[in-house]
Amino acid sequence: MASYTSQVNVIHKKFTNALKKAKTKQALNKAYSMHKKDHERLLKKHLAEEIREIKKAKDRLD
């Protein structure tokens, strides 16, 4: 699995390319909206993975 940082870099590269191609305000807004959704999805996944790690660590301590 790719690291969180590398996945963020992919999202930002995709966003930057969309900004360069955008020719209208609507296209810019759409690019931002998709970028925001990608970030939220990735962050939710990342935090869930960290919670699982914490639960495993707690189980080992008990």
N, C-alpha and C. Protein backbone atom coordinates (compact mmCIF):
# COMPACT_ATOMS: atom_id res chain seq x y z
N MET A 1 0.84 -1.18 0.00
CA MET A 1 0.00 0.00 0.00
C MET A 1 0.89 1.25 0.00
N ALA A 2 0.48 2.20 -0.77
CA ALA A 2 1.24 3.44 -0.87
C ALA A 2 1.10 4.25 0.42
N SER A 3 2.10 5.03 0.71
CA SER A 3 2.05 5.83 1.93
C SER A 3 1.07 6.98 1.77
N TYR A 4 0.64 7.51 2.88
CA TYR A 4 -0.30 8.62 2.89
C TYR A 4 0.28 9.81 2.12
N THR A 5 1.55 10.10 2.36
CA THR A 5 2.19 11.24 1.71
C THR A 5 2.23 11.08 0.19
N SER A 6 2.54 9.90 -0.28
CA SER A 6 2.59 9.69 -1.72
C SER A 6 1.20 9.79 -2.33
N GLN A 7 0.18 9.35 -1.61
CA GLN A 7 -1.19 9.47 -2.11
C GLN A 7 -1.62 10.93 -2.16
N VAL A 8 -1.21 11.72 -1.18
CA VAL A 8 -1.51 13.16 -1.19
C VAL A 8 -0.83 13.81 -2.39
N ASN A 9 0.40 13.42 -2.66
CA ASN A 9 1.12 13.98 -3.81
C ASN A 9 0.40 13.67 -5.12
N VAL A 10 -0.13 12.48 -5.24
CA VAL A 10 -0.89 12.10 -6.44
C VAL A 10 -2.13 12.99 -6.57
N ILE A 11 -2.83 13.19 -5.47
CA ILE A 11 -4.03 14.04 -5.47
C ILE A 11 -3.67 15.46 -5.89
N HIS A 12 -2.59 15.99 -5.37
CA HIS A 12 -2.20 17.35 -5.70
C HIS A 12 -1.74 17.49 -7.16
N LYS A 13 -1.07 16.48 -7.66
CA LYS A 13 -0.66 16.52 -9.07
C LYS A 13 -1.89 16.52 -9.97
N LYS A 14 -2.86 15.69 -9.64
CA LYS A 14 -4.11 15.64 -10.40
C LYS A 14 -4.82 16.99 -10.36
N PHE A 15 -4.84 17.61 -9.18
CA PHE A 15 -5.48 18.92 -9.01
C PHE A 15 -4.76 19.99 -9.82
N THR A 16 -3.44 19.99 -9.74
CA THR A 16 -2.65 20.98 -10.48
C THR A 16 -2.89 20.86 -11.99
N ASN A 17 -2.94 19.64 -12.48
CA ASN A 17 -3.20 19.43 -13.90
C ASN A 17 -4.59 19.92 -14.28
N ALA A 18 -5.57 19.68 -13.43
CA ALA A 18 -6.93 20.13 -13.70
C ALA A 18 -6.99 21.66 -13.73
N LEU A 19 -6.24 22.32 -12.84
CA LEU A 19 -6.21 23.78 -12.84
C LEU A 19 -5.60 24.33 -14.13
N LYS A 20 -4.56 23.69 -14.61
CA LYS A 20 -3.91 24.14 -15.83
C LYS A 20 -4.83 24.00 -17.05
N LYS A 21 -5.66 22.95 -17.05
CA LYS A 21 -6.55 22.69 -18.18
C LYS A 21 -7.84 23.50 -18.12
N ALA A 22 -8.18 23.99 -16.95
CA ALA A 22 -9.45 24.70 -16.76
C ALA A 22 -9.49 25.98 -17.58
N LYS A 23 -10.61 26.19 -18.26
CA LYS A 23 -10.77 27.39 -19.08
C LYS A 23 -11.94 28.25 -18.60
N THR A 24 -12.68 27.76 -17.62
CA THR A 24 -13.83 28.51 -17.11
C THR A 24 -13.81 28.48 -15.58
N LYS A 25 -14.58 29.38 -15.01
CA LYS A 25 -14.72 29.41 -13.55
C LYS A 25 -15.38 28.12 -13.06
N GLN A 26 -16.32 27.64 -13.83
CA GLN A 26 -17.01 26.40 -13.45
C GLN A 26 -16.02 25.23 -13.42
N ALA A 27 -15.12 25.18 -14.38
CA ALA A 27 -14.12 24.11 -14.41
C ALA A 27 -13.18 24.22 -13.20
N LEU A 28 -12.85 25.45 -12.81
CA LEU A 28 -12.01 25.64 -11.62
C LEU A 28 -12.72 25.16 -10.36
N ASN A 29 -13.99 25.52 -10.25
CA ASN A 29 -14.78 25.10 -9.09
C ASN A 29 -14.92 23.58 -9.04
N LYS A 30 -15.13 22.97 -10.19
CA LYS A 30 -15.25 21.52 -10.25
C LYS A 30 -13.93 20.85 -9.85
N ALA A 31 -12.82 21.40 -10.33
CA ALA A 31 -11.51 20.85 -9.98
C ALA A 31 -11.30 20.92 -8.47
N TYR A 32 -11.65 22.04 -7.87
CA TYR A 32 -11.49 22.18 -6.42
C TYR A 32 -12.41 21.22 -5.67
N SER A 33 -13.63 21.11 -6.14
CA SER A 33 -14.60 20.22 -5.49
C SER A 33 -14.10 18.77 -5.51
N MET A 34 -13.62 18.33 -6.64
CA MET A 34 -13.09 16.97 -6.74
C MET A 34 -11.86 16.79 -5.85
N HIS A 35 -11.01 17.80 -5.82
CA HIS A 35 -9.80 17.77 -4.99
C HIS A 35 -10.17 17.64 -3.51
N LYS A 36 -11.14 18.42 -3.10
CA LYS A 36 -11.58 18.39 -1.71
C LYS A 36 -12.15 17.02 -1.35
N LYS A 37 -12.98 16.46 -2.23
CA LYS A 37 -13.56 15.13 -1.98
C LYS A 37 -12.47 14.07 -1.90
N ASP A 38 -11.48 14.16 -2.79
CA ASP A 38 -10.37 13.20 -2.76
C ASP A 38 -9.62 13.29 -1.43
N HIS A 39 -9.36 14.50 -0.96
CA HIS A 39 -8.68 14.69 0.31
C HIS A 39 -9.50 14.13 1.47
N GLU A 40 -10.78 14.42 1.48
CA GLU A 40 -11.63 13.94 2.58
C GLU A 40 -11.68 12.42 2.60
N ARG A 41 -11.78 11.81 1.44
CA ARG A 41 -11.82 10.35 1.34
C ARG A 41 -10.51 9.75 1.85
N LEU A 42 -9.40 10.32 1.41
CA LEU A 42 -8.09 9.82 1.81
C LEU A 42 -7.85 10.01 3.31
N LEU A 43 -8.22 11.16 3.84
CA LEU A 43 -8.03 11.42 5.26
C LEU A 43 -8.86 10.46 6.11
N LYS A 44 -10.09 10.23 5.70
CA LYS A 44 -10.96 9.31 6.44
C LYS A 44 -10.34 7.91 6.48
N LYS A 45 -9.83 7.47 5.34
CA LYS A 45 -9.19 6.16 5.26
C LYS A 45 -7.93 6.12 6.13
N HIS A 46 -7.14 7.16 6.07
CA HIS A 46 -5.89 7.23 6.84
C HIS A 46 -6.17 7.20 8.34
N LEU A 47 -7.15 7.97 8.78
CA LEU A 47 -7.46 8.01 10.21
C LEU A 47 -8.02 6.67 10.69
N ALA A 48 -8.78 5.99 9.85
CA ALA A 48 -9.31 4.68 10.21
C ALA A 48 -8.16 3.69 10.40
N GLU A 49 -7.16 3.76 9.54
CA GLU A 49 -5.99 2.89 9.67
C GLU A 49 -5.25 3.17 10.98
N GLU A 50 -5.13 4.44 11.33
CA GLU A 50 -4.44 4.78 12.57
C GLU A 50 -5.22 4.30 13.79
N ILE A 51 -6.53 4.39 13.75
CA ILE A 51 -7.35 3.90 14.87
C ILE A 51 -7.16 2.39 15.03
N ARG A 52 -7.10 1.66 13.91
CA ARG A 52 -6.87 0.21 13.99
C ARG A 52 -5.52 -0.08 14.63
N GLU A 53 -4.49 0.70 14.28
CA GLU A 53 -3.17 0.52 14.87
C GLU A 53 -3.21 0.77 16.38
N ILE A 54 -3.92 1.79 16.79
CA ILE A 54 -4.03 2.12 18.21
C ILE A 54 -4.74 1.00 18.96
N LYS A 55 -5.81 0.46 18.38
CA LYS A 55 -6.54 -0.63 19.03
C LYS A 55 -5.66 -1.86 19.18
N LYS A 56 -4.85 -2.16 18.16
CA LYS A 56 -3.94 -3.30 18.25
C LYS A 56 -2.92 -3.08 19.36
N ALA A 57 -2.39 -1.86 19.45
CA ALA A 57 -1.41 -1.54 20.48
C ALA A 57 -2.02 -1.67 21.87
N LYS A 58 -3.26 -1.21 22.01
CA LYS A 58 -3.95 -1.33 23.31
C LYS A 58 -4.16 -2.78 23.68
N ASP A 59 -4.51 -3.60 22.69
CA ASP A 59 -4.73 -5.04 22.97
C ASP A 59 -3.45 -5.71 23.44
N ARG A 60 -2.32 -5.30 22.89
CA ARG A 60 -1.04 -5.89 23.31
C ARG A 60 -0.68 -5.50 24.72
N LEU A 61 -1.13 -4.31 25.15
CA LEU A 61 -0.82 -3.85 26.50
C LEU A 61 -1.67 -4.54 27.56
N ASP A 62 -2.81 -5.03 27.16
CA ASP A 62 -3.70 -5.70 28.14
C ASP A 62 -3.26 -7.11 28.42
